[in-house]
Protein backbone atom coordinates (compact mmCIF):
# COMPACT_ATOMS: atom_id res chain seq x y z
CA MET A 1 -47.11 -49.47 44.31
CA ASN A 2 -44.11 -50.73 46.27
CA PHE A 3 -45.88 -49.79 49.50
CA TYR A 4 -48.88 -52.03 48.78
CA VAL A 5 -46.77 -54.96 47.58
CA LEU A 6 -44.49 -54.66 50.60
CA SER A 7 -47.48 -54.43 52.94
CA LEU A 8 -48.99 -57.61 51.47
CA VAL A 9 -45.65 -59.42 51.80
CA LYS A 10 -45.32 -58.33 55.43
CA ILE A 11 -48.90 -59.39 56.21
CA GLY A 12 -48.26 -62.81 54.67
CA LEU A 13 -44.98 -63.26 56.56
CA VAL A 14 -46.41 -62.15 59.90
CA ALA A 15 -49.51 -64.36 59.47
CA PHE A 16 -47.45 -67.42 58.51
CA VAL A 17 -44.88 -66.99 61.30
CA PHE A 18 -47.49 -66.11 63.92
CA LEU A 19 -49.81 -69.04 63.16
CA THR A 20 -46.89 -71.47 62.95
CA ALA A 21 -45.56 -70.16 66.26
CA LEU A 22 -48.97 -70.71 67.88
CA ALA A 23 -48.96 -74.34 66.74
CA TYR A 24 -45.45 -74.97 68.05
CA LEU A 25 -46.00 -73.05 71.28
CA GLN A 26 -48.25 -75.92 72.32
CA TRP A 27 -45.44 -78.39 71.50
CA ILE A 28 -42.95 -76.32 73.50
CA GLU A 29 -45.34 -76.17 76.45
CA ARG A 30 -45.83 -79.93 76.46
CA LYS A 31 -42.08 -80.52 76.22
CA VAL A 32 -41.16 -78.06 78.97
CA ILE A 33 -43.83 -79.37 81.36
CA ALA A 34 -42.68 -82.93 80.61
CA HIS A 35 -39.10 -82.03 81.52
CA VAL A 36 -40.20 -80.22 84.69
CA GLN A 37 -42.21 -83.26 85.73
CA VAL A 38 -39.48 -85.72 84.61
CA ARG A 39 -41.52 -87.15 81.73
CA VAL A 40 -40.76 -87.67 78.05
CA GLY A 41 -43.43 -85.53 76.43
CA PRO A 42 -44.51 -85.80 72.77
CA ASN A 43 -41.87 -87.79 70.86
CA ARG A 44 -43.74 -90.20 68.59
CA VAL A 45 -44.49 -88.11 65.50
CA GLY A 46 -41.37 -86.85 63.75
CA PRO A 47 -37.96 -86.27 65.33
CA HIS A 48 -38.41 -85.24 68.96
CA GLY A 49 -42.15 -84.96 68.31
CA LEU A 50 -41.74 -81.94 66.03
CA LEU A 51 -44.58 -83.01 63.74
CA GLN A 52 -47.03 -83.36 66.64
CA PRO A 53 -48.68 -79.94 66.00
CA LEU A 54 -49.29 -80.92 62.37
CA THR A 55 -50.90 -84.23 63.31
CA ASP A 56 -53.00 -82.52 65.99
CA THR A 57 -54.25 -80.03 63.39
CA ILE A 58 -55.11 -82.80 60.93
CA LYS A 59 -56.90 -84.73 63.68
CA LEU A 60 -58.97 -81.71 64.71
CA LEU A 61 -59.82 -80.81 61.09
CA THR A 62 -61.00 -84.34 60.29
CA LYS A 63 -62.74 -85.03 63.59
CA GLU A 64 -66.54 -85.13 63.55
CA ASP A 65 -67.93 -81.66 64.23
CA LEU A 66 -70.84 -82.07 66.64
CA ILE A 67 -73.37 -79.35 67.44
CA PRO A 68 -75.56 -80.34 70.40
CA SER A 69 -79.27 -79.96 69.84
CA HIS A 70 -79.85 -77.85 72.95
CA VAL A 71 -77.46 -74.97 72.15
CA ASN A 72 -78.25 -71.48 70.86
CA LYS A 73 -76.71 -72.18 67.48
CA PHE A 74 -75.97 -68.61 66.34
CA PHE A 75 -74.05 -67.53 69.45
CA TYR A 76 -72.60 -71.02 69.89
CA LEU A 77 -70.88 -70.68 66.47
CA LEU A 78 -70.13 -66.98 66.91
CA ALA A 79 -68.18 -67.36 70.18
CA PRO A 80 -65.04 -69.13 68.80
CA ILE A 81 -64.97 -66.76 65.81
CA ILE A 82 -64.92 -63.72 68.11
CA GLY A 83 -62.22 -65.31 70.26
CA VAL A 84 -59.87 -66.09 67.36
CA CYS A 85 -60.43 -62.81 65.49
CA MET A 86 -59.85 -60.62 68.54
CA ALA A 87 -56.75 -62.62 69.46
CA LEU A 88 -55.20 -62.29 65.99
CA ILE A 89 -55.97 -58.62 65.34
CA SER A 90 -53.69 -57.26 68.08
CA ILE A 91 -50.48 -58.51 66.45
CA ALA A 92 -50.99 -55.97 63.64
CA VAL A 93 -49.98 -53.05 65.88
CA ILE A 94 -46.91 -54.71 67.47
CA PRO A 95 -43.57 -53.30 66.21
CA PHE A 96 -40.87 -56.01 66.00
CA GLY A 97 -37.92 -53.78 65.20
CA PRO A 98 -36.68 -50.41 63.90
CA LYS A 99 -36.90 -48.99 60.40
CA ILE A 100 -34.83 -51.07 57.99
CA THR A 101 -33.88 -51.04 54.32
CA VAL A 102 -35.21 -54.05 52.42
CA PRO A 103 -32.25 -55.87 50.80
CA PHE A 104 -31.82 -55.44 47.01
CA THR A 105 -34.69 -52.94 46.75
CA GLY A 106 -33.58 -49.89 48.73
CA VAL A 107 -37.13 -49.54 50.10
CA GLU A 108 -37.35 -48.44 53.72
CA THR A 109 -39.95 -49.97 56.01
CA TRP A 110 -40.59 -50.76 59.65
CA LEU A 111 -40.37 -54.24 61.13
CA GLY A 112 -44.06 -54.48 61.90
CA LEU A 113 -47.36 -54.12 60.09
CA THR A 114 -48.64 -50.73 61.21
CA ASP A 115 -48.39 -48.09 63.91
CA LEU A 116 -51.32 -46.20 65.36
CA ASP A 117 -51.34 -43.11 67.54
CA ILE A 118 -53.51 -45.12 69.95
CA GLY A 119 -51.65 -48.39 69.38
CA VAL A 120 -51.56 -49.44 73.04
CA LEU A 121 -55.35 -49.25 73.27
CA VAL A 122 -55.88 -51.77 70.45
CA PRO A 123 -54.79 -54.88 72.45
CA LEU A 124 -56.81 -53.63 75.42
CA ALA A 125 -59.91 -53.16 73.25
CA CYS A 126 -59.47 -56.59 71.64
CA SER A 127 -59.01 -58.16 75.05
CA GLY A 128 -62.20 -56.51 76.29
CA ILE A 129 -64.21 -57.77 73.32
CA GLY A 130 -62.57 -61.20 73.66
CA VAL A 131 -64.37 -61.60 76.99
CA TYR A 132 -67.59 -61.94 75.01
CA ALA A 133 -66.24 -65.06 73.29
CA VAL A 134 -65.89 -66.93 76.58
CA ALA A 135 -69.11 -65.55 78.07
CA LEU A 136 -71.14 -66.35 74.94
CA ALA A 137 -69.63 -69.83 74.68
CA GLY A 138 -70.68 -70.62 78.23
CA TRP A 139 -74.17 -69.12 77.92
CA SER A 140 -75.04 -70.42 74.45
CA SER A 141 -74.00 -73.99 75.33
CA ASN A 142 -77.04 -74.25 77.63
CA ASN A 143 -74.95 -76.34 79.98
CA LYS A 144 -74.56 -75.60 83.70
CA TYR A 145 -70.84 -76.37 83.77
CA ALA A 146 -70.19 -74.24 80.69
CA LEU A 147 -72.33 -71.40 82.06
CA LEU A 148 -70.38 -71.38 85.34
CA GLY A 149 -67.13 -71.31 83.39
CA GLY A 150 -68.36 -68.39 81.27
CA LEU A 151 -69.51 -66.43 84.33
CA ARG A 152 -66.21 -67.05 86.08
CA ALA A 153 -64.28 -65.91 83.00
CA SER A 154 -66.32 -62.71 82.66
CA ALA A 155 -65.86 -61.74 86.31
CA GLN A 156 -62.19 -62.68 86.33
CA MET A 157 -61.20 -60.92 83.12
CA ILE A 158 -63.14 -57.75 83.94
CA SER A 159 -61.64 -57.65 87.44
CA TYR A 160 -58.04 -58.06 86.31
CA GLU A 161 -58.41 -55.69 83.35
CA LEU A 162 -58.49 -52.76 85.79
CA PRO A 163 -55.07 -53.28 87.43
CA LEU A 164 -53.69 -54.36 84.02
CA ALA A 165 -54.75 -51.05 82.49
CA LEU A 166 -53.31 -49.11 85.44
CA ALA A 167 -49.99 -50.98 85.07
CA ILE A 168 -49.93 -50.14 81.35
CA ALA A 169 -50.61 -46.49 82.16
CA ALA A 170 -47.24 -46.27 83.97
CA PRO A 171 -45.00 -46.43 80.84
CA LEU A 172 -47.52 -44.28 78.98
CA LEU A 173 -47.03 -41.54 81.59
CA MET A 174 -43.26 -41.97 81.44
CA HIS A 175 -43.00 -41.75 77.65
CA ASN A 176 -45.98 -39.43 77.03
CA SER A 177 -47.24 -41.47 74.07
CA LEU A 178 -49.77 -44.15 73.11
CA SER A 179 -47.80 -45.22 70.04
CA MET A 180 -45.98 -48.50 70.73
CA ARG A 181 -43.36 -47.70 68.12
CA GLU A 182 -42.62 -44.36 69.77
CA ILE A 183 -42.52 -45.94 73.24
CA ALA A 184 -40.03 -48.55 72.03
CA GLU A 185 -37.84 -45.95 70.31
CA LYS A 186 -37.68 -43.81 73.46
CA GLN A 187 -36.11 -46.80 75.23
CA THR A 188 -33.26 -47.02 72.70
CA THR A 189 -31.37 -44.16 74.37
CA LEU A 190 -28.46 -44.91 76.70
CA LYS A 191 -27.93 -44.00 80.35
CA PHE A 192 -24.48 -44.15 81.95
CA GLY A 193 -23.13 -44.70 78.44
CA PHE A 194 -23.88 -48.44 78.28
CA LEU A 195 -27.31 -49.24 79.81
CA TYR A 196 -30.38 -48.95 77.61
CA ASN A 197 -33.15 -46.82 79.07
CA TRP A 198 -35.70 -49.59 79.52
CA SER A 199 -38.87 -48.56 81.34
CA ILE A 200 -38.17 -50.91 84.27
CA PHE A 201 -34.84 -49.13 84.91
CA ALA A 202 -36.29 -45.60 84.98
CA TYR A 203 -36.97 -43.59 88.16
CA GLY A 204 -34.92 -45.79 90.43
CA GLY A 205 -36.58 -49.00 89.25
CA VAL A 206 -40.06 -48.11 90.52
CA PRO A 207 -41.74 -49.10 87.17
CA PHE A 208 -40.40 -52.63 87.70
CA PHE A 209 -43.24 -53.16 90.17
CA ALA A 210 -45.72 -52.03 87.51
CA PHE A 211 -44.17 -54.68 85.27
CA ILE A 212 -44.76 -57.34 87.95
CA ILE A 213 -48.41 -56.27 88.29
CA PHE A 214 -48.74 -56.38 84.51
CA LEU A 215 -47.38 -59.94 84.39
CA ILE A 216 -49.69 -61.18 87.17
CA CYS A 217 -52.73 -59.63 85.49
CA ALA A 218 -51.61 -61.06 82.15
CA PHE A 219 -51.85 -64.56 83.62
CA ALA A 220 -55.42 -63.85 84.73
CA GLU A 221 -56.41 -62.19 81.45
CA THR A 222 -55.30 -65.24 79.45
CA ASN A 223 -56.92 -67.74 81.85
CA ARG A 224 -53.63 -69.42 82.68
CA ILE A 225 -52.66 -71.29 85.85
CA PRO A 226 -52.90 -70.26 88.66
CA PHE A 227 -55.85 -68.21 87.33
CA ASP A 228 -57.49 -70.80 85.04
CA LEU A 229 -60.73 -71.00 87.03
CA PRO A 230 -62.93 -70.74 83.88
CA GLU A 231 -61.53 -74.12 82.74
CA ALA A 232 -61.23 -75.82 86.15
CA GLU A 233 -61.59 -79.37 84.87
CA ASN A 234 -61.84 -80.90 88.35
CA GLU A 235 -64.94 -78.76 89.00
CA LEU A 236 -66.42 -77.83 85.61
CA VAL A 237 -65.49 -80.73 83.27
CA ALA A 238 -63.84 -78.32 80.81
CA GLY A 239 -65.52 -75.05 81.69
CA PHE A 240 -66.92 -72.76 79.02
CA HIS A 241 -65.90 -75.02 76.09
CA THR A 242 -67.40 -78.25 77.49
CA GLU A 243 -69.88 -78.58 74.59
CA TYR A 244 -67.40 -77.76 71.81
CA SER A 245 -65.61 -80.24 69.55
CA SER A 246 -63.30 -80.38 66.53
CA MET A 247 -61.85 -77.05 65.32
CA LYS A 248 -64.32 -74.99 67.35
CA PHE A 249 -62.80 -76.54 70.46
CA ALA A 250 -59.28 -75.87 69.16
CA SER A 251 -60.19 -72.25 68.34
CA PHE A 252 -60.37 -71.35 72.03
CA PHE A 253 -56.89 -72.73 72.66
CA MET A 254 -55.60 -70.99 69.56
CA ALA A 255 -57.01 -67.72 70.90
CA GLU A 256 -55.43 -68.41 74.31
CA TYR A 257 -51.94 -68.96 72.86
CA ALA A 258 -52.36 -65.93 70.55
CA ASN A 259 -53.31 -63.76 73.54
CA MET A 260 -50.31 -65.09 75.48
CA THR A 261 -47.96 -64.18 72.63
CA THR A 262 -49.50 -60.74 72.09
CA ILE A 263 -49.42 -59.79 75.76
CA CYS A 264 -45.77 -60.90 76.00
CA CYS A 265 -44.98 -58.69 72.97
CA LEU A 266 -46.80 -55.84 74.70
CA ALA A 267 -44.75 -56.36 77.87
CA VAL A 268 -41.51 -56.28 75.87
CA ILE A 269 -42.51 -53.07 74.09
CA LEU A 270 -43.74 -51.23 77.19
CA PHE A 271 -41.26 -52.35 79.83
CA LEU A 272 -38.30 -54.27 78.38
CA GLY A 273 -36.92 -51.98 75.71
CA GLY A 274 -38.47 -53.55 72.64
CA TRP A 275 -35.76 -54.73 70.25
CA THR A 276 -32.75 -53.40 72.19
CA PRO A 277 -30.26 -55.59 74.12
CA PRO A 278 -29.86 -54.96 77.88
CA VAL A 279 -26.52 -53.18 77.49
CA GLN A 280 -24.49 -51.59 74.73
CA PHE A 281 -20.83 -52.39 74.18
CA PRO A 282 -18.58 -53.00 71.15
CA GLY A 283 -19.49 -56.27 69.48
CA VAL A 284 -22.94 -56.66 71.08
CA ASP A 285 -24.47 -57.13 67.60
CA PHE A 286 -22.39 -60.27 67.12
CA ILE A 287 -23.84 -62.03 70.19
CA PRO A 288 -26.95 -63.45 68.41
CA GLY A 289 -24.86 -65.03 65.66
CA ILE A 290 -22.40 -66.47 68.18
CA ILE A 291 -25.25 -67.97 70.23
CA PHE A 292 -26.74 -69.70 67.18
CA ILE A 293 -23.37 -71.01 66.00
CA LEU A 294 -22.44 -72.36 69.44
CA SER A 295 -25.87 -74.03 69.70
CA GLY A 296 -25.38 -75.59 66.27
CA LEU A 297 -21.89 -76.85 67.15
CA MET A 298 -23.26 -78.37 70.37
CA MET A 299 -25.92 -80.22 68.35
CA LEU A 300 -23.29 -81.46 65.92
CA TYR A 301 -21.18 -82.71 68.82
CA HIS A 302 -24.07 -84.58 70.46
CA GLY A 303 -25.16 -85.95 67.08
CA THR A 304 -21.76 -87.32 66.09
CA VAL A 305 -19.65 -87.89 69.21
CA ASN A 306 -21.82 -87.96 72.32
CA LEU A 307 -24.93 -89.89 71.21
CA TYR A 308 -27.76 -90.46 73.69
CA ARG A 309 -30.24 -92.02 71.25
CA ALA A 310 -29.78 -93.79 67.93
CA ARG A 311 -31.96 -91.36 65.95
CA ASP A 312 -29.90 -88.39 67.19
CA LYS A 313 -27.18 -89.21 64.66
CA TYR A 314 -29.60 -88.05 61.95
CA THR A 315 -31.67 -85.32 63.59
CA LEU A 316 -29.10 -83.40 65.63
CA PRO A 317 -26.58 -82.86 62.78
CA ILE A 318 -29.40 -81.55 60.56
CA PHE A 319 -30.56 -79.09 63.23
CA GLY A 320 -26.92 -78.23 63.99
CA ILE A 321 -26.31 -77.25 60.37
CA ILE A 322 -29.54 -75.20 60.32
CA PHE A 323 -28.56 -73.33 63.50
CA CYS A 324 -25.04 -72.67 62.20
CA GLY A 325 -26.55 -71.33 58.97
CA ILE A 326 -28.85 -69.00 60.90
CA GLY A 327 -25.89 -67.87 63.00
CA LEU A 328 -23.79 -67.11 59.92
CA ALA A 329 -26.72 -65.14 58.44
CA HIS A 330 -26.46 -62.81 61.45
CA PHE A 331 -22.99 -61.76 60.24
CA VAL A 332 -24.14 -60.82 56.71
CA PRO A 333 -23.97 -56.98 56.61
CA PHE A 334 -27.31 -56.31 54.88
CA LEU A 335 -29.14 -58.86 57.07
CA MET A 336 -27.76 -57.73 60.44
CA PRO A 337 -30.08 -54.68 60.77
CA ILE A 338 -33.04 -57.05 60.34
CA LEU A 339 -31.99 -60.20 62.22
CA VAL A 340 -30.27 -58.67 65.26
CA PRO A 341 -33.26 -56.55 66.47
CA LEU A 342 -35.58 -59.48 65.76
CA PHE A 343 -33.34 -61.75 67.84
CA TRP A 344 -33.45 -59.49 70.90
CA PHE A 345 -37.19 -58.87 70.59
CA LEU A 346 -38.11 -62.53 70.11
CA SER A 347 -35.71 -63.74 72.81
CA LYS A 348 -37.49 -61.53 75.38
CA VAL A 349 -40.90 -62.72 74.17
CA LEU A 350 -39.80 -66.36 74.36
CA PHE A 351 -38.47 -65.82 77.88
CA LEU A 352 -41.84 -64.48 79.03
CA LEU A 353 -43.65 -67.34 77.29
CA PHE A 354 -41.32 -69.77 79.07
CA LEU A 355 -42.31 -68.06 82.32
CA TYR A 356 -45.96 -68.74 81.49
CA ILE A 357 -45.19 -72.44 80.98
CA TRP A 358 -42.93 -72.66 84.03
CA VAL A 359 -45.65 -71.23 86.28
CA ARG A 360 -48.19 -73.68 84.84
CA ALA A 361 -45.90 -76.60 85.67
CA THR A 362 -45.21 -75.32 89.19
CA LEU A 363 -48.13 -73.56 90.88
CA PRO A 364 -51.53 -74.95 91.93
CA ARG A 365 -54.83 -73.32 91.01
CA PHE A 366 -56.35 -70.62 93.25
CA ARG A 367 -59.79 -70.94 94.78
CA TYR A 368 -62.26 -68.53 93.19
CA ASP A 369 -62.71 -66.46 96.34
CA GLN A 370 -58.90 -66.12 96.59
CA LEU A 371 -58.77 -65.07 92.94
CA MET A 372 -61.29 -62.25 93.33
CA HIS A 373 -59.96 -61.10 96.72
CA PHE A 374 -56.47 -60.89 95.25
CA ALA A 375 -57.74 -58.72 92.39
CA TRP A 376 -59.85 -56.26 94.38
CA GLY A 377 -58.12 -56.42 97.76
CA TRP A 378 -54.50 -56.25 96.59
CA MET A 379 -53.87 -55.70 92.89
CA PHE A 380 -56.29 -52.83 92.35
CA PRO A 381 -55.24 -50.60 95.31
CA VAL A 382 -51.53 -51.37 94.79
CA SER A 383 -51.74 -50.50 91.08
CA ILE A 384 -53.51 -47.20 91.87
CA GLY A 385 -50.88 -46.26 94.45
CA LEU A 386 -48.05 -47.23 92.11
CA LEU A 387 -49.50 -45.21 89.25
CA PHE A 388 -49.81 -42.18 91.55
CA LEU A 389 -46.17 -42.62 92.66
CA ILE A 390 -44.89 -42.93 89.07
CA GLY A 391 -46.90 -39.86 88.03
CA LEU A 392 -45.34 -37.94 90.93
CA LEU A 393 -41.85 -39.06 89.90
CA VAL A 394 -42.50 -38.02 86.29
CA VAL A 395 -43.55 -34.54 87.45
CA VAL A 396 -40.60 -34.14 89.85
CA TRP A 397 -37.82 -35.64 87.68
CA THR A 398 -38.75 -34.15 84.30
């Protein structure tokens, strides 16, 4: 019975944290882009604009839900459902940490919902089916701009799925497994006595180039700049979701941010050692707590001594106390095995998500012919050659 209760608790926690993170990822993106472009960003609702995602959700839920008369209603309504469902399913097979003992119960469980022998194939399958959401949205809208956006998305996502799959095959060859939990555990061993055996460090660093190909294809698979041709607003109004409104419109962006998060988790598991730190040395487990405490003390300083804005004297001390509390929790013995692996895993995921946002704020959009030529003329042959080289290294070195 404990297994079922624990599974339900984990499902509830993962769903709550994941959906909340998706809402605040949009806030983070707007804030980061505003800072890059020397703007203020959202700051009207709540301290530092922290309640903006909540108000956006309320606005979208209460906004009039229009269904144009000329659409194919069944597929028009089905498209956002497919997009959201396929985007949310993949998180179920992502391991967030090692096996831990639940405090006060003695029950052992993994930090993650489930593990499948073919776990790596689940996100790929969901991504492949997710293409139908965009294609159906464009076709069922019976709108030329939406149709062009759907066709662009289908061609783009199918094209970049091939080099993406070949890049993923590299760590699968190296670790001889499709289980993401097993792949992550094989990277917890040490080389040279202090360096964790991350996939990108193996075989003289050759898999690092597979990681770069994976990242580039991930941008294209999630329709992000510089590969956001399906939504090119200067050409297609809004692309495949031109005719959508209210929560149906928001569903596509929810699916986009969910896919971004999932593919970053996948990159961390396959290439960046999962929940392990970069190096091992005495006291490395205390680094997360120290980082949180120093961040909290910095907030307290700026909220009491070095004020920039009047409202900071209320908001920064509160956040400073929260961060110090989280930092102290990292030093509690029975919480350390849970919080420390989660810190390293989530910090890598957040870094990759920041890279997504940074690229969006920096690079211009490709032309469509450049997009497709880059996929078939460069990414596909390079990924095939790299996979052949890694396979050769695996045979020779093992």
